[in-house]
Amino acid sequence: MSEIGNGTSKSQVIRDLPIACANEQAAVEFLEGKRWGDRPCCAHCSSERVYKMLDAKSGERNRRFLWRCHDCKKQYTVRVGTVLEESKAPLRHWCYALWRSCTSKKGASALEISRQTGLSYKSALFLMHRIRFAMTDTGAIKLHGTIEADETYVGGRPRPGRIGDPPAPVGRGTKKTPVFAAIQRAGEVRARVVPDVTAQNLRAVMDEVVDKDRSRLMTDDFRSYRAIGRTFKGGHEWVKHSYGEYSRGDVHCNTAESFFSLVKRGMYGVYHNVSKKHLHRYVAEFEFRFNRRTMDDGERVVAAIVGSQGKRLLYREPIAKVQ
């Protein structure tokens, strides 16, 4: 019979993370173990003929925690070949930021990471952008089955007008940024920031993320979905939100709306203000957590570490001006 309240139900990853967040060598070994397992390999040529570089006097690992490859003769660390490459932030701070990003349903702000780690806000923000980039799913399979599609609008609330004026619009027709999502019932979501919710833009995203030959489409009564729905082999059904109808049997898009509710609560309650330029990174973060909602916290952290491989986000990219 397991004891209650002593942490025995936690995974080994969650038991290891507090130590990795407090000690640099523990953080290095934690990331090495999750990236390579028990078969460390070269970050340059993938050879397994590698060894840890040790200090000649003490016999312990050197201060940079270097490895060296017998085949290509190059030196490297666990950072090389990942979004962590050339970051000067200590790896224990990376472990903390990964932990918070993967275990908080609505995300963690750079300001919070800055307060907890002592990093400057600028460094914490760039670190979090790198983590969001690592969370971006590349090469994801297309959705199929019953697909719900919907859009939402992210941005500040409109200022109130004069007394007696009609209420200001809160979505379509405002300067808010549209976000489109297609979600497979009991499956994954694919969310994209789009310039506008025209039929052409929505069709382009749908062609990218959905296998229409194996799918049935559910939407609201927005007219842009009509032409798109005709391309689905399983047909297209919609609910009439404009008439106050939100479900009719199994016809609804409530799953998509539940995903958007998480996005909105994160935007308003945690991040408060996200620019259009960076919104796609935050959307990718929410998509990552939603698609791994059945995993425990430790498994999500490992998934983010594995997803960081082969990706690089340079500082000049997030700060570049939007053309």
Protein backbone atom coordinates (compact mmCIF):
# COMPACT_ATOMS: atom_id res chain seq x y z
CA MET A 1 0.00 0.00 0.00
CA SER A 2 1.56 3.29 -1.07
CA GLU A 3 2.00 6.07 1.44
CA ILE A 4 0.05 9.29 1.03
CA GLY A 5 1.70 12.69 0.92
CA ASN A 6 5.33 11.57 0.70
CA GLY A 7 5.78 12.20 -3.04
CA THR A 8 5.96 8.53 -4.01
CA SER A 9 3.46 9.10 -6.82
CA LYS A 10 5.77 11.57 -8.59
CA SER A 11 7.79 10.43 -11.58
CA GLN A 12 11.57 10.23 -11.33
CA VAL A 13 11.88 13.27 -13.59
CA ILE A 14 9.87 15.43 -11.19
CA ARG A 15 11.95 14.16 -8.25
CA ASP A 16 15.17 15.05 -10.13
CA LEU A 17 14.10 18.50 -11.32
CA PRO A 18 14.34 20.42 -8.01
CA ILE A 19 17.97 19.32 -7.68
CA ALA A 20 18.67 20.19 -11.33
CA CYS A 21 17.19 23.66 -10.75
CA ALA A 22 19.54 24.28 -7.82
CA ASN A 23 22.86 22.74 -8.89
CA GLU A 24 24.65 23.33 -12.20
CA GLN A 25 26.31 19.91 -12.46
CA ALA A 26 23.01 18.19 -11.61
CA ALA A 27 21.34 20.28 -14.34
CA VAL A 28 23.98 19.27 -16.90
CA GLU A 29 23.65 15.58 -16.04
CA PHE A 30 19.84 15.82 -16.04
CA LEU A 31 19.79 17.32 -19.56
CA GLU A 32 22.42 14.87 -20.82
CA GLY A 33 20.41 11.93 -19.52
CA LYS A 34 17.15 13.14 -21.07
CA ARG A 35 18.77 14.01 -24.40
CA TRP A 36 21.02 10.98 -24.88
CA GLY A 37 19.82 8.42 -22.35
CA ASP A 38 22.51 5.81 -21.65
CA ARG A 39 24.02 6.20 -25.15
CA PRO A 40 25.73 9.61 -25.34
CA CYS A 41 26.75 10.61 -28.83
CA CYS A 42 28.59 13.41 -30.61
CA ALA A 43 26.51 16.53 -31.23
CA HIS A 44 28.44 17.10 -34.48
CA CYS A 45 28.76 13.69 -36.19
CA SER A 46 26.44 11.46 -34.06
CA SER A 47 29.27 9.03 -33.28
CA GLU A 48 28.96 7.13 -30.01
CA ARG A 49 32.75 6.99 -29.58
CA VAL A 50 32.78 9.90 -27.14
CA TYR A 51 34.09 10.59 -23.65
CA LYS A 52 33.73 13.17 -20.91
CA MET A 53 36.66 15.55 -20.56
CA LEU A 54 37.97 15.47 -16.97
CA ASP A 55 40.23 17.79 -15.03
CA ALA A 56 43.78 16.43 -14.96
CA LYS A 57 44.32 17.16 -11.27
CA SER A 58 41.00 16.45 -9.62
CA GLY A 59 39.69 13.83 -12.02
CA GLU A 60 36.32 15.57 -12.01
CA ARG A 61 34.47 17.07 -14.96
CA ASN A 62 35.87 20.36 -16.19
CA ARG A 63 34.06 23.63 -15.54
CA ARG A 64 32.47 23.71 -19.02
CA PHE A 65 31.24 20.08 -18.83
CA LEU A 66 32.80 19.29 -22.19
CA TRP A 67 32.66 16.06 -24.18
CA ARG A 68 35.04 15.03 -26.96
CA CYS A 69 34.50 12.77 -29.94
CA HIS A 70 37.10 10.16 -30.96
CA ASP A 71 35.96 10.27 -34.60
CA CYS A 72 35.58 13.95 -35.54
CA LYS A 73 37.90 15.16 -32.71
CA LYS A 74 35.52 17.99 -31.86
CA GLN A 75 34.53 19.18 -28.40
CA TYR A 76 30.93 19.91 -27.46
CA THR A 77 28.47 20.21 -24.59
CA VAL A 78 24.86 19.16 -24.15
CA ARG A 79 23.85 22.62 -25.41
CA VAL A 80 25.25 22.09 -28.92
CA GLY A 81 22.67 21.26 -31.58
CA THR A 82 19.73 22.49 -29.50
CA VAL A 83 17.95 25.78 -28.76
CA LEU A 84 20.29 26.12 -25.76
CA GLU A 85 23.35 26.55 -27.97
CA GLU A 86 25.51 29.60 -27.19
CA SER A 87 23.18 30.65 -24.38
CA LYS A 88 25.11 32.06 -21.43
CA ALA A 89 22.28 31.42 -18.98
CA PRO A 90 23.18 28.65 -16.49
CA LEU A 91 21.58 25.31 -17.30
CA ARG A 92 19.92 25.19 -13.88
CA HIS A 93 17.87 28.23 -14.96
CA TRP A 94 17.00 26.46 -18.21
CA CYS A 95 15.76 23.47 -16.21
CA TYR A 96 13.59 25.72 -14.06
CA ALA A 97 12.11 27.52 -17.08
CA LEU A 98 11.42 24.20 -18.85
CA TRP A 99 9.76 22.85 -15.71
CA ARG A 100 7.51 25.89 -15.32
CA SER A 101 6.63 26.04 -19.03
CA CYS A 102 5.65 22.38 -19.22
CA THR A 103 3.74 22.08 -15.97
CA SER A 104 1.73 25.33 -15.88
CA LYS A 105 -1.50 24.95 -17.84
CA LYS A 106 -1.56 28.62 -18.73
CA GLY A 107 2.17 29.17 -19.09
CA ALA A 108 4.83 31.08 -17.19
CA SER A 109 5.81 34.67 -17.92
CA ALA A 110 9.37 35.85 -18.55
CA LEU A 111 8.95 38.29 -15.67
CA GLU A 112 8.26 35.40 -13.30
CA ILE A 113 11.30 33.47 -14.59
CA SER A 114 13.38 36.63 -14.16
CA ARG A 115 12.28 37.03 -10.54
CA GLN A 116 12.87 33.38 -9.64
CA THR A 117 16.26 32.95 -11.34
CA GLY A 118 17.83 36.40 -11.13
CA LEU A 119 18.24 36.65 -14.90
CA SER A 120 17.56 40.01 -16.51
CA TYR A 121 14.11 40.37 -18.06
CA LYS A 122 15.65 40.55 -21.55
CA SER A 123 17.58 37.29 -21.00
CA ALA A 124 14.55 35.56 -19.48
CA LEU A 125 12.33 36.64 -22.37
CA PHE A 126 14.74 35.33 -24.99
CA LEU A 127 15.16 32.10 -23.00
CA MET A 128 11.39 31.62 -22.96
CA HIS A 129 11.14 32.34 -26.70
CA ARG A 130 13.72 29.59 -27.27
CA ILE A 131 11.71 27.16 -25.18
CA ARG A 132 8.55 28.02 -27.14
CA PHE A 133 10.48 27.42 -30.35
CA ALA A 134 11.53 24.00 -28.99
CA MET A 135 7.86 23.27 -28.30
CA THR A 136 6.89 23.94 -31.92
CA ASP A 137 5.80 20.67 -33.49
CA THR A 138 7.56 20.08 -36.79
CA GLY A 139 6.56 17.26 -39.10
CA ALA A 140 3.36 16.55 -37.19
CA ILE A 141 0.98 14.12 -38.90
CA LYS A 142 -2.25 15.42 -40.40
CA LEU A 143 -5.44 15.28 -38.36
CA HIS A 144 -8.28 12.99 -39.41
CA GLY A 145 -11.68 11.86 -38.19
CA THR A 146 -14.14 14.38 -36.76
CA ILE A 147 -12.44 17.77 -37.06
CA GLU A 148 -13.63 20.90 -35.31
CA ALA A 149 -12.49 24.24 -36.72
CA ASP A 150 -12.89 27.64 -35.14
CA GLU A 151 -11.19 30.99 -34.83
CA THR A 152 -10.64 33.46 -32.02
CA TYR A 153 -9.19 36.93 -31.69
CA VAL A 154 -6.35 37.88 -29.35
CA GLY A 155 -5.72 41.44 -28.23
CA GLY A 156 -6.75 44.09 -25.75
CA ARG A 157 -10.35 44.87 -24.92
CA PRO A 158 -11.82 47.83 -26.88
CA ARG A 159 -12.12 51.08 -24.95
CA PRO A 160 -15.68 51.92 -23.86
CA GLY A 161 -17.38 54.61 -25.91
CA ARG A 162 -19.72 57.31 -24.81
CA ILE A 163 -22.91 56.52 -22.92
CA GLY A 164 -25.57 55.43 -25.38
CA ASP A 165 -23.13 54.32 -28.09
CA PRO A 166 -23.57 50.76 -29.41
CA PRO A 167 -21.14 48.22 -27.86
CA ALA A 168 -17.77 48.07 -29.55
CA PRO A 169 -17.00 44.93 -31.58
CA VAL A 170 -14.85 42.40 -29.75
CA GLY A 171 -13.72 40.04 -32.54
CA ARG A 172 -14.07 40.06 -36.30
CA GLY A 173 -13.68 43.56 -37.70
CA THR A 174 -11.36 44.79 -34.93
CA LYS A 175 -7.58 45.21 -34.84
CA LYS A 176 -7.22 42.03 -32.79
CA THR A 177 -5.09 39.21 -34.21
CA PRO A 178 -7.01 36.16 -35.46
CA VAL A 179 -5.92 32.68 -34.39
CA PHE A 180 -7.33 29.64 -36.20
CA ALA A 181 -7.43 26.10 -34.80
CA ALA A 182 -8.38 22.71 -36.19
CA ILE A 183 -8.78 20.02 -33.57
CA GLN A 184 -9.38 16.30 -33.85
CA ARG A 185 -11.91 15.11 -31.29
CA ALA A 186 -10.13 13.18 -28.55
CA GLY A 187 -6.93 14.01 -30.42
CA GLU A 188 -4.55 16.82 -31.16
CA VAL A 189 -4.91 20.46 -32.15
CA ARG A 190 -3.16 22.48 -34.85
CA ALA A 191 -3.30 26.22 -34.21
CA ARG A 192 -2.02 29.00 -36.45
CA VAL A 193 -1.92 32.79 -36.36
CA VAL A 194 -3.49 34.02 -39.62
CA PRO A 195 -3.46 37.50 -41.17
CA ASP A 196 -7.22 37.40 -41.75
CA VAL A 197 -10.04 34.86 -41.58
CA THR A 198 -10.73 34.74 -45.30
CA ALA A 199 -11.73 31.47 -46.93
CA GLN A 200 -8.41 31.45 -48.79
CA ASN A 201 -6.31 31.74 -45.61
CA LEU A 202 -8.36 29.17 -43.70
CA ARG A 203 -8.27 26.74 -46.62
CA ALA A 204 -4.45 27.01 -46.79
CA VAL A 205 -4.12 26.10 -43.11
CA MET A 206 -6.69 23.31 -43.41
CA ASP A 207 -4.86 21.81 -46.41
CA GLU A 208 -1.66 21.83 -44.34
CA VAL A 209 -2.94 20.19 -41.15
CA VAL A 210 -5.99 18.04 -42.05
CA ASP A 211 -6.41 14.90 -44.18
CA LYS A 212 -9.70 15.87 -45.82
CA ASP A 213 -10.21 12.46 -47.44
CA ARG A 214 -10.53 10.88 -43.99
CA SER A 215 -12.31 13.66 -42.15
CA ARG A 216 -15.68 15.20 -41.32
CA LEU A 217 -15.78 18.93 -40.54
CA MET A 218 -17.63 20.69 -37.70
CA THR A 219 -17.74 24.49 -37.54
CA ASP A 220 -19.99 27.40 -36.66
CA ASP A 221 -22.00 29.24 -39.32
CA PHE A 222 -19.20 31.59 -40.43
CA ARG A 223 -19.51 31.76 -44.23
CA SER A 224 -15.79 31.27 -44.94
CA TYR A 225 -16.16 27.61 -43.90
CA ARG A 226 -18.84 26.77 -46.49
CA ALA A 227 -16.54 26.34 -49.52
CA ILE A 228 -13.89 24.61 -47.39
CA GLY A 229 -16.45 22.13 -46.05
CA ARG A 230 -17.32 20.95 -49.56
CA THR A 231 -13.78 19.53 -49.93
CA PHE A 232 -14.22 17.14 -46.96
CA LYS A 233 -15.15 13.58 -47.94
CA GLY A 234 -17.01 13.06 -44.67
CA GLY A 235 -19.13 16.16 -45.15
CA HIS A 236 -19.52 19.45 -43.32
CA GLU A 237 -22.00 20.29 -40.57
CA TRP A 238 -22.30 23.47 -38.55
CA VAL A 239 -24.11 24.99 -35.61
CA LYS A 240 -25.78 28.37 -35.90
CA HIS A 241 -24.09 30.51 -33.28
CA SER A 242 -25.81 33.56 -34.71
CA TYR A 243 -29.13 31.98 -33.63
CA GLY A 244 -27.89 30.92 -30.20
CA GLU A 245 -27.34 27.27 -31.19
CA TYR A 246 -24.17 25.73 -29.75
CA SER A 247 -24.75 21.99 -30.17
CA ARG A 248 -27.02 19.66 -32.08
CA GLY A 249 -26.36 16.03 -31.25
CA ASP A 250 -22.66 15.49 -31.96
CA VAL A 251 -22.50 18.63 -34.09
CA HIS A 252 -20.56 21.30 -32.18
CA CYS A 253 -17.15 22.96 -31.98
CA ASN A 254 -16.95 23.05 -28.18
CA THR A 255 -13.62 21.20 -28.09
CA ALA A 256 -11.98 23.94 -30.15
CA GLU A 257 -13.54 26.56 -27.91
CA SER A 258 -12.19 24.82 -24.81
CA PHE A 259 -8.69 25.05 -26.30
CA PHE A 260 -9.20 28.74 -27.00
CA SER A 261 -10.38 29.28 -23.43
CA LEU A 262 -6.98 28.06 -22.19
CA VAL A 263 -5.22 30.38 -24.64
CA LYS A 264 -7.32 33.37 -23.57
CA ARG A 265 -6.87 32.72 -19.84
CA GLY A 266 -3.12 32.49 -20.37
CA MET A 267 -3.00 35.65 -22.45
CA TYR A 268 -5.09 37.72 -20.04
CA GLY A 269 -4.05 36.19 -16.72
CA VAL A 270 -0.35 35.36 -17.20
CA TYR A 271 1.13 37.23 -20.15
CA HIS A 272 -1.27 40.21 -20.12
CA ASN A 273 0.06 41.67 -23.37
CA VAL A 274 1.49 39.73 -26.34
CA SER A 275 2.50 41.45 -29.55
CA LYS A 276 1.28 40.18 -32.90
CA LYS A 277 4.92 39.63 -33.87
CA HIS A 278 5.47 36.98 -31.17
CA LEU A 279 1.94 35.56 -30.86
CA HIS A 280 2.74 32.48 -32.96
CA ARG A 281 5.34 31.38 -30.38
CA TYR A 282 2.84 31.56 -27.53
CA VAL A 283 0.21 29.71 -29.59
CA ALA A 284 2.78 26.94 -30.26
CA GLU A 285 3.36 26.68 -26.50
CA PHE A 286 -0.36 26.19 -25.78
CA GLU A 287 -0.61 23.69 -28.63
CA PHE A 288 2.34 21.70 -27.21
CA ARG A 289 0.77 21.40 -23.77
CA PHE A 290 -2.70 20.59 -25.10
CA ASN A 291 -1.40 17.83 -27.37
CA ARG A 292 0.43 16.27 -24.42
CA ARG A 293 -2.33 16.73 -21.87
CA THR A 294 -2.45 12.98 -21.11
CA MET A 295 1.26 12.92 -20.17
CA ASP A 296 2.44 13.58 -16.66
CA ASP A 297 4.52 16.68 -15.98
CA GLY A 298 7.83 14.86 -16.20
CA GLU A 299 7.03 13.36 -19.59
CA ARG A 300 6.17 16.82 -20.95
CA VAL A 301 9.50 18.20 -19.74
CA VAL A 302 11.35 15.37 -21.47
CA ALA A 303 9.31 15.95 -24.65
CA ALA A 304 10.37 19.62 -24.65
CA ILE A 305 14.04 18.69 -24.15
CA VAL A 306 13.90 16.18 -27.01
CA GLY A 307 12.05 18.72 -29.15
CA SER A 308 14.85 21.26 -28.64
CA GLN A 309 17.26 19.20 -30.74
CA GLY A 310 18.05 20.37 -34.25
CA LYS A 311 16.50 23.80 -33.65
CA ARG A 312 18.15 27.18 -33.32
CA LEU A 313 16.65 30.58 -32.59
CA LEU A 314 19.10 33.46 -32.98
CA TYR A 315 18.62 36.67 -31.01
CA ARG A 316 18.27 38.75 -34.16
CA GLU A 317 15.16 36.79 -35.21
CA PRO A 318 12.80 37.69 -32.33
CA ILE A 319 13.96 41.32 -32.27
CA ALA A 320 13.72 41.82 -36.06
CA LYS A 321 11.18 44.38 -37.16
CA VAL A 322 8.00 43.13 -38.84
CA GLN A 323 8.03 44.10 -42.50
